[in-house]
């Protein structure tokens, strides 16, 4: 997960709170990061800005991925 999206504060929040609490904060950070990341790619930026369903699916996917990343000790295999 990009450090642009996962700052220290968000990482700690993901580590210490349940997903239903942190995914809203993650969604906001993800949206801002995605717009910055795709500022040169007009097609991707338009998808992020206009397709709410695609944005929601991507946000859920990356939120779950971020949760696994911050909650799994380094070097440990991912949970089954």
PDB file of N, CA and C in Angstrom:
ATOM      1  N   UNK A   1       0.857  -1.171   0.000  1.00  0.00           N
ATOM      2  CA  UNK A   1       0.000   0.000   0.000  1.00  0.00           C
ATOM      3  C   UNK A   1       0.897   1.226   0.000  1.00  0.00           C
ATOM      4  N   UNK A   2       0.531   2.198  -0.751  1.00  0.00           N
ATOM      5  CA  UNK A   2       1.327   3.405  -0.916  1.00  0.00           C
ATOM      6  C   UNK A   2       1.426   4.208   0.379  1.00  0.00           C
ATOM      7  N   UNK A   3       2.634   4.669   0.674  1.00  0.00           N
ATOM      8  CA  UNK A   3       2.835   5.536   1.843  1.00  0.00           C
ATOM      9  C   UNK A   3       2.115   6.868   1.671  1.00  0.00           C
ATOM     10  N   UNK A   4       1.821   7.245   0.396  1.00  0.00           N
ATOM     11  CA  UNK A   4       1.062   8.470   0.161  1.00  0.00           C
ATOM     12  C   UNK A   4      -0.329   8.358   0.779  1.00  0.00           C
ATOM     13  N   UNK A   5      -0.872   7.172   0.771  1.00  0.00           N
ATOM     14  CA  UNK A   5      -2.214   6.953   1.322  1.00  0.00           C
ATOM     15  C   UNK A   5      -2.126   6.560   2.795  1.00  0.00           C
ATOM     16  N   UNK A   6      -1.229   5.638   3.102  1.00  0.00           N
ATOM     17  CA  UNK A   6      -1.091   5.158   4.479  1.00  0.00           C
ATOM     18  C   UNK A   6      -0.041   5.966   5.222  1.00  0.00           C
ATOM     19  N   UNK A   7      -0.436   7.034   5.833  1.00  0.00           N
ATOM     20  CA  UNK A   7       0.469   7.773   6.697  1.00  0.00           C
ATOM     21  C   UNK A   7       0.531   7.105   8.055  1.00  0.00           C
ATOM     22  N   UNK A   8       1.342   7.642   8.939  1.00  0.00           N
ATOM     23  CA  UNK A   8       1.481   7.051  10.274  1.00  0.00           C
ATOM     24  C   UNK A   8       0.158   7.040  11.032  1.00  0.00           C
ATOM     25  N   UNK A   9      -0.598   8.137  10.944  1.00  0.00           N
ATOM     26  CA  UNK A   9      -1.863   8.218  11.672  1.00  0.00           C
ATOM     27  C   UNK A   9      -2.863   7.185  11.180  1.00  0.00           C
ATOM     28  N   UNK A  10      -2.990   7.054   9.853  1.00  0.00           N
ATOM     29  CA  UNK A  10      -3.942   6.091   9.297  1.00  0.00           C
ATOM     30  C   UNK A  10      -3.497   4.661   9.594  1.00  0.00           C
ATOM     31  N   UNK A  11      -2.202   4.411   9.538  1.00  0.00           N
ATOM     32  CA  UNK A  11      -1.684   3.076   9.862  1.00  0.00           C
ATOM     33  C   UNK A  11      -2.043   2.695  11.290  1.00  0.00           C
ATOM     34  N   UNK A  12      -1.836   3.611  12.216  1.00  0.00           N
ATOM     35  CA  UNK A  12      -2.181   3.342  13.617  1.00  0.00           C
ATOM     36  C   UNK A  12      -3.685   3.148  13.786  1.00  0.00           C
ATOM     37  N   UNK A  13      -4.474   3.947  13.087  1.00  0.00           N
ATOM     38  CA  UNK A  13      -5.919   3.807  13.167  1.00  0.00           C
ATOM     39  C   UNK A  13      -6.349   2.435  12.649  1.00  0.00           C
ATOM     40  N   UNK A  14      -5.786   1.997  11.521  1.00  0.00           N
ATOM     41  CA  UNK A  14      -6.110   0.687  10.964  1.00  0.00           C
ATOM     42  C   UNK A  14      -5.713  -0.432  11.923  1.00  0.00           C
ATOM     43  N   UNK A  15      -4.594  -0.238  12.586  1.00  0.00           N
ATOM     44  CA  UNK A  15      -4.082  -1.253  13.502  1.00  0.00           C
ATOM     45  C   UNK A  15      -4.943  -1.378  14.759  1.00  0.00           C
ATOM     46  N   UNK A  16      -5.527  -0.270  15.213  1.00  0.00           N
ATOM     47  CA  UNK A  16      -6.143  -0.247  16.537  1.00  0.00           C
ATOM     48  C   UNK A  16      -7.661  -0.153  16.582  1.00  0.00           C
ATOM     49  N   UNK A  17      -8.315  -0.098  15.437  1.00  0.00           N
ATOM     50  CA  UNK A  17      -9.772   0.035  15.425  1.00  0.00           C
ATOM     51  C   UNK A  17     -10.402  -0.981  14.484  1.00  0.00           C
ATOM     52  N   UNK A  18     -11.661  -1.307  14.705  1.00  0.00           N
ATOM     53  CA  UNK A  18     -12.338  -2.264  13.833  1.00  0.00           C
ATOM     54  C   UNK A  18     -12.546  -1.679  12.429  1.00  0.00           C
ATOM     55  N   UNK A  19     -12.632  -2.560  11.427  1.00  0.00           N
ATOM     56  CA  UNK A  19     -12.769  -2.119  10.033  1.00  0.00           C
ATOM     57  C   UNK A  19     -13.923  -1.152   9.782  1.00  0.00           C
ATOM     58  N   UNK A  20     -15.060  -1.356  10.429  1.00  0.00           N
ATOM     59  CA  UNK A  20     -16.193  -0.468  10.167  1.00  0.00           C
ATOM     60  C   UNK A  20     -15.913   0.960  10.610  1.00  0.00           C
ATOM     61  N   UNK A  21     -15.001   1.134  11.543  1.00  0.00           N
ATOM     62  CA  UNK A  21     -14.638   2.471  12.018  1.00  0.00           C
ATOM     63  C   UNK A  21     -13.615   3.108  11.083  1.00  0.00           C
ATOM     64  N   UNK A  22     -12.620   2.343  10.654  1.00  0.00           N
ATOM     65  CA  UNK A  22     -11.513   2.923   9.902  1.00  0.00           C
ATOM     66  C   UNK A  22     -11.737   3.009   8.402  1.00  0.00           C
ATOM     67  N   UNK A  23     -12.648   2.216   7.864  1.00  0.00           N
ATOM     68  CA  UNK A  23     -12.811   2.216   6.406  1.00  0.00           C
ATOM     69  C   UNK A  23     -13.338   3.550   5.878  1.00  0.00           C
ATOM     70  N   UNK A  24     -14.089   4.288   6.657  1.00  0.00           N
ATOM     71  CA  UNK A  24     -14.548   5.611   6.211  1.00  0.00           C
ATOM     72  C   UNK A  24     -13.362   6.566   6.102  1.00  0.00           C
ATOM     73  N   UNK A  25     -12.495   6.566   7.090  1.00  0.00           N
ATOM     74  CA  UNK A  25     -11.296   7.413   7.037  1.00  0.00           C
ATOM     75  C   UNK A  25     -10.384   6.955   5.911  1.00  0.00           C
ATOM     76  N   UNK A  26     -10.262   5.645   5.739  1.00  0.00           N
ATOM     77  CA  UNK A  26      -9.439   5.117   4.659  1.00  0.00           C
ATOM     78  C   UNK A  26     -10.006   5.533   3.306  1.00  0.00           C
ATOM     79  N   UNK A  27     -11.329   5.480   3.154  1.00  0.00           N
ATOM     80  CA  UNK A  27     -11.960   5.843   1.882  1.00  0.00           C
ATOM     81  C   UNK A  27     -11.622   7.274   1.488  1.00  0.00           C
ATOM     82  N   UNK A  28     -11.637   8.172   2.445  1.00  0.00           N
ATOM     83  CA  UNK A  28     -11.308   9.572   2.163  1.00  0.00           C
ATOM     84  C   UNK A  28      -9.847   9.700   1.738  1.00  0.00           C
ATOM     85  N   UNK A  29      -8.946   9.058   2.469  1.00  0.00           N
ATOM     86  CA  UNK A  29      -7.522   9.116   2.135  1.00  0.00           C
ATOM     87  C   UNK A  29      -7.256   8.444   0.793  1.00  0.00           C
ATOM     88  N   UNK A  30      -7.940   7.332   0.528  1.00  0.00           N
ATOM     89  CA  UNK A  30      -7.770   6.615  -0.736  1.00  0.00           C
ATOM     90  C   UNK A  30      -8.227   7.478  -1.906  1.00  0.00           C
ATOM     91  N   UNK A  31      -9.367   8.128  -1.763  1.00  0.00           N
ATOM     92  CA  UNK A  31      -9.894   8.979  -2.829  1.00  0.00           C
ATOM     93  C   UNK A  31      -8.910  10.103  -3.149  1.00  0.00           C
ATOM     94  N   UNK A  32      -8.420  10.767  -2.125  1.00  0.00           N
ATOM     95  CA  UNK A  32      -7.467  11.858  -2.338  1.00  0.00           C
ATOM     96  C   UNK A  32      -6.175  11.341  -2.975  1.00  0.00           C
ATOM     97  N   UNK A  33      -5.697  10.201  -2.503  1.00  0.00           N
ATOM     98  CA  UNK A  33      -4.481   9.614  -3.067  1.00  0.00           C
ATOM     99  C   UNK A  33      -4.669   9.157  -4.495  1.00  0.00           C
ATOM    100  N   UNK A  34      -5.834   8.585  -4.807  1.00  0.00           N
ATOM    101  CA  UNK A  34      -6.107   8.118  -6.163  1.00  0.00           C
ATOM    102  C   UNK A  34      -6.173   9.282  -7.139  1.00  0.00           C
ATOM    103  N   UNK A  35      -6.791  10.370  -6.736  1.00  0.00           N
ATOM    104  CA  UNK A  35      -6.864  11.544  -7.611  1.00  0.00           C
ATOM    105  C   UNK A  35      -5.455  12.064  -7.886  1.00  0.00           C
ATOM    106  N   UNK A  36      -4.620  12.147  -6.846  1.00  0.00           N
ATOM    107  CA  UNK A  36      -3.232  12.597  -7.042  1.00  0.00           C
ATOM    108  C   UNK A  36      -2.460  11.633  -7.938  1.00  0.00           C
ATOM    109  N   UNK A  37      -2.649  10.324  -7.697  1.00  0.00           N
ATOM    110  CA  UNK A  37      -1.925   9.306  -8.438  1.00  0.00           C
ATOM    111  C   UNK A  37      -2.303   9.328  -9.927  1.00  0.00           C
ATOM    112  N   UNK A  38      -3.563   9.616 -10.211  1.00  0.00           N
ATOM    113  CA  UNK A  38      -4.038   9.562 -11.588  1.00  0.00           C
ATOM    114  C   UNK A  38      -4.182  10.936 -12.233  1.00  0.00           C
ATOM    115  N   UNK A  39      -3.536  11.949 -11.688  1.00  0.00           N
ATOM    116  CA  UNK A  39      -3.714  13.284 -12.254  1.00  0.00           C
ATOM    117  C   UNK A  39      -3.214  13.381 -13.685  1.00  0.00           C
ATOM    118  N   UNK A  40      -2.305  12.513 -14.098  1.00  0.00           N
ATOM    119  CA  UNK A  40      -1.829  12.523 -15.487  1.00  0.00           C
ATOM    120  C   UNK A  40      -2.605  11.551 -16.366  1.00  0.00           C
ATOM    121  N   UNK A  41      -3.367  10.667 -15.764  1.00  0.00           N
ATOM    122  CA  UNK A  41      -4.134   9.672 -16.521  1.00  0.00           C
ATOM    123  C   UNK A  41      -5.603  10.064 -16.482  1.00  0.00           C
ATOM    124  N   UNK A  42      -6.027  10.783 -17.499  1.00  0.00           N
ATOM    125  CA  UNK A  42      -7.380  11.345 -17.527  1.00  0.00           C
ATOM    126  C   UNK A  42      -8.456  10.265 -17.432  1.00  0.00           C
ATOM    127  N   UNK A  43      -8.275   9.162 -18.138  1.00  0.00           N
ATOM    128  CA  UNK A  43      -9.291   8.107 -18.125  1.00  0.00           C
ATOM    129  C   UNK A  43      -9.470   7.519 -16.726  1.00  0.00           C
ATOM    130  N   UNK A  44      -8.364   7.207 -16.047  1.00  0.00           N
ATOM    131  CA  UNK A  44      -8.461   6.659 -14.692  1.00  0.00           C
ATOM    132  C   UNK A  44      -9.032   7.693 -13.729  1.00  0.00           C
ATOM    133  N   UNK A  45      -8.614   8.936 -13.852  1.00  0.00           N
ATOM    134  CA  UNK A  45      -9.139   9.991 -12.975  1.00  0.00           C
ATOM    135  C   UNK A  45     -10.641  10.130 -13.160  1.00  0.00           C
ATOM    136  N   UNK A  46     -11.112  10.082 -14.404  1.00  0.00           N
ATOM    137  CA  UNK A  46     -12.543  10.184 -14.662  1.00  0.00           C
ATOM    138  C   UNK A  46     -13.305   9.014 -14.047  1.00  0.00           C
ATOM    139  N   UNK A  47     -12.728   7.827 -14.108  1.00  0.00           N
ATOM    140  CA  UNK A  47     -13.371   6.658 -13.488  1.00  0.00           C
ATOM    141  C   UNK A  47     -13.472   6.866 -11.980  1.00  0.00           C
ATOM    142  N   UNK A  48     -12.368   7.285 -11.367  1.00  0.00           N
ATOM    143  CA  UNK A  48     -12.353   7.494  -9.917  1.00  0.00           C
ATOM    144  C   UNK A  48     -13.369   8.563  -9.511  1.00  0.00           C
ATOM    145  N   UNK A  49     -13.463   9.620 -10.312  1.00  0.00           N
ATOM    146  CA  UNK A  49     -14.346  10.736  -9.964  1.00  0.00           C
ATOM    147  C   UNK A  49     -15.809  10.484 -10.290  1.00  0.00           C
ATOM    148  N   UNK A  50     -16.105   9.701 -11.329  1.00  0.00           N
ATOM    149  CA  UNK A  50     -17.491   9.590 -11.785  1.00  0.00           C
ATOM    150  C   UNK A  50     -18.157   8.242 -11.558  1.00  0.00           C
ATOM    151  N   UNK A  51     -17.398   7.175 -11.423  1.00  0.00           N
ATOM    152  CA  UNK A  51     -18.005   5.847 -11.277  1.00  0.00           C
ATOM    153  C   UNK A  51     -17.982   5.439  -9.807  1.00  0.00           C
ATOM    154  N   UNK A  52     -19.056   5.758  -9.113  1.00  0.00           N
ATOM    155  CA  UNK A  52     -19.125   5.499  -7.662  1.00  0.00           C
ATOM    156  C   UNK A  52     -18.995   4.016  -7.345  1.00  0.00           C
ATOM    157  N   UNK A  53     -19.582   3.155  -8.164  1.00  0.00           N
ATOM    158  CA  UNK A  53     -19.519   1.717  -7.904  1.00  0.00           C
ATOM    159  C   UNK A  53     -18.078   1.209  -8.023  1.00  0.00           C
ATOM    160  N   UNK A  54     -17.382   1.611  -9.076  1.00  0.00           N
ATOM    161  CA  UNK A  54     -15.984   1.202  -9.250  1.00  0.00           C
ATOM    162  C   UNK A  54     -15.124   1.754  -8.116  1.00  0.00           C
ATOM    163  N   UNK A  55     -15.364   3.003  -7.736  1.00  0.00           N
ATOM    164  CA  UNK A  55     -14.612   3.626  -6.651  1.00  0.00           C
ATOM    165  C   UNK A  55     -14.849   2.882  -5.339  1.00  0.00           C
ATOM    166  N   UNK A  56     -16.114   2.530  -5.059  1.00  0.00           N
ATOM    167  CA  UNK A  56     -16.431   1.806  -3.823  1.00  0.00           C
ATOM    168  C   UNK A  56     -15.775   0.424  -3.789  1.00  0.00           C
ATOM    169  N   UNK A  57     -15.804  -0.284  -4.920  1.00  0.00           N
ATOM    170  CA  UNK A  57     -15.169  -1.609  -4.977  1.00  0.00           C
ATOM    171  C   UNK A  57     -13.667  -1.499  -4.758  1.00  0.00           C
ATOM    172  N   UNK A  58     -13.045  -0.533  -5.411  1.00  0.00           N
ATOM    173  CA  UNK A  58     -11.603  -0.345  -5.249  1.00  0.00           C
ATOM    174  C   UNK A  58     -11.275   0.046  -3.813  1.00  0.00           C
ATOM    175  N   UNK A  59     -12.079   0.920  -3.241  1.00  0.00           N
ATOM    176  CA  UNK A  59     -11.836   1.367  -1.865  1.00  0.00           C
ATOM    177  C   UNK A  59     -11.936   0.203  -0.898  1.00  0.00           C
ATOM    178  N   UNK A  60     -12.973  -0.627  -1.025  1.00  0.00           N
ATOM    179  CA  UNK A  60     -13.119  -1.799  -0.150  1.00  0.00           C
ATOM    180  C   UNK A  60     -11.937  -2.752  -0.298  1.00  0.00           C
ATOM    181  N   UNK A  61     -11.549  -2.994  -1.554  1.00  0.00           N
ATOM    182  CA  UNK A  61     -10.428  -3.902  -1.815  1.00  0.00           C
ATOM    183  C   UNK A  61      -9.158  -3.390  -1.130  1.00  0.00           C
ATOM    184  N   UNK A  62      -8.834  -2.119  -1.357  1.00  0.00           N
ATOM    185  CA  UNK A  62      -7.596  -1.576  -0.805  1.00  0.00           C
ATOM    186  C   UNK A  62      -7.672  -1.372   0.705  1.00  0.00           C
ATOM    187  N   UNK A  63      -8.853  -1.129   1.242  1.00  0.00           N
ATOM    188  CA  UNK A  63      -8.998  -1.034   2.698  1.00  0.00           C
ATOM    189  C   UNK A  63      -8.711  -2.398   3.327  1.00  0.00           C
ATOM    190  N   UNK A  64      -9.281  -3.454   2.768  1.00  0.00           N
ATOM    191  CA  UNK A  64      -9.025  -4.798   3.288  1.00  0.00           C
ATOM    192  C   UNK A  64      -7.547  -5.158   3.166  1.00  0.00           C
ATOM    193  N   UNK A  65      -6.943  -4.788   2.054  1.00  0.00           N
ATOM    194  CA  UNK A  65      -5.518  -5.046   1.845  1.00  0.00           C
ATOM    195  C   UNK A  65      -4.676  -4.283   2.869  1.00  0.00           C
ATOM    196  N   UNK A  66      -5.012  -3.029   3.114  1.00  0.00           N
ATOM    197  CA  UNK A  66      -4.282  -2.225   4.093  1.00  0.00           C
ATOM    198  C   UNK A  66      -4.437  -2.801   5.497  1.00  0.00           C
ATOM    199  N   UNK A  67      -5.649  -3.245   5.824  1.00  0.00           N
ATOM    200  CA  UNK A  67      -5.863  -3.867   7.137  1.00  0.00           C
ATOM    201  C   UNK A  67      -4.973  -5.095   7.303  1.00  0.00           C
ATOM    202  N   UNK A  68      -4.920  -5.950   6.276  1.00  0.00           N
ATOM    203  CA  UNK A  68      -4.050  -7.132   6.355  1.00  0.00           C
ATOM    204  C   UNK A  68      -2.590  -6.716   6.496  1.00  0.00           C
ATOM    205  N   UNK A  69      -2.193  -5.701   5.740  1.00  0.00           N
ATOM    206  CA  UNK A  69      -0.795  -5.253   5.751  1.00  0.00           C
ATOM    207  C   UNK A  69      -0.368  -4.761   7.127  1.00  0.00           C
ATOM    208  N   UNK A  70      -1.195  -3.964   7.772  1.00  0.00           N
ATOM    209  CA  UNK A  70      -0.779  -3.398   9.061  1.00  0.00           C
ATOM    210  C   UNK A  70      -1.001  -4.347  10.229  1.00  0.00           C
ATOM    211  N   UNK A  71      -1.829  -5.351  10.051  1.00  0.00           N
ATOM    212  CA  UNK A  71      -2.120  -6.267  11.161  1.00  0.00           C
ATOM    213  C   UNK A  71      -1.342  -7.569  11.096  1.00  0.00           C
ATOM    214  N   UNK A  72      -0.643  -7.833   9.986  1.00  0.00           N
ATOM    215  CA  UNK A  72       0.143  -9.049   9.854  1.00  0.00           C
ATOM    216  C   UNK A  72       1.599  -8.710  10.145  1.00  0.00           C
ATOM    217  N   UNK A  73       2.212  -9.385  11.106  1.00  0.00           N
ATOM    218  CA  UNK A  73       3.620  -9.103  11.407  1.00  0.00           C
ATOM    219  C   UNK A  73       4.485  -9.344  10.168  1.00  0.00           C
ATOM    220  N   UNK A  74       5.532  -8.567  10.015  1.00  0.00           N
ATOM    221  CA  UNK A  74       6.439  -8.714   8.887  1.00  0.00           C
ATOM    222  C   UNK A  74       6.990 -10.121   8.835  1.00  0.00           C
ATOM    223  N   UNK A  75       6.959 -10.679   7.632  1.00  0.00           N
ATOM    224  CA  UNK A  75       7.502 -12.018   7.444  1.00  0.00           C
ATOM    225  C   UNK A  75       6.534 -13.137   7.759  1.00  0.00           C
ATOM    226  N   UNK A  76       5.423 -12.822   8.390  1.00  0.00           N
ATOM    227  CA  UNK A  76       4.451 -13.866   8.707  1.00  0.00           C
ATOM    228  C   UNK A  76       3.600 -14.125   7.481  1.00  0.00           C
ATOM    229  N   UNK A  77       3.229 -15.379   7.250  1.00  0.00           N
ATOM    230  CA  UNK A  77       2.350 -15.662   6.113  1.00  0.00           C
ATOM    231  C   UNK A  77       0.983 -15.049   6.358  1.00  0.00           C
ATOM    232  N   UNK A  78       0.289 -14.637   5.277  1.00  0.00           N
ATOM    233  CA  UNK A  78      -1.052 -14.067   5.441  1.00  0.00           C
ATOM    234  C   UNK A  78      -2.007 -15.112   6.014  1.00  0.00           C
ATOM    235  N   UNK A  79      -3.004 -14.667   6.762  1.00  0.00           N
ATOM    236  CA  UNK A  79      -3.967 -15.622   7.326  1.00  0.00           C
ATOM    237  C   UNK A  79      -4.706 -16.369   6.229  1.00  0.00           C
ATOM    238  N   UNK A  80      -5.029 -17.618   6.523  1.00  0.00           N
ATOM    239  CA  UNK A  80      -5.716 -18.470   5.539  1.00  0.00           C
ATOM    240  C   UNK A  80      -7.150 -18.102   5.369  1.00  0.00           C
TER     241      UNK A  80
END
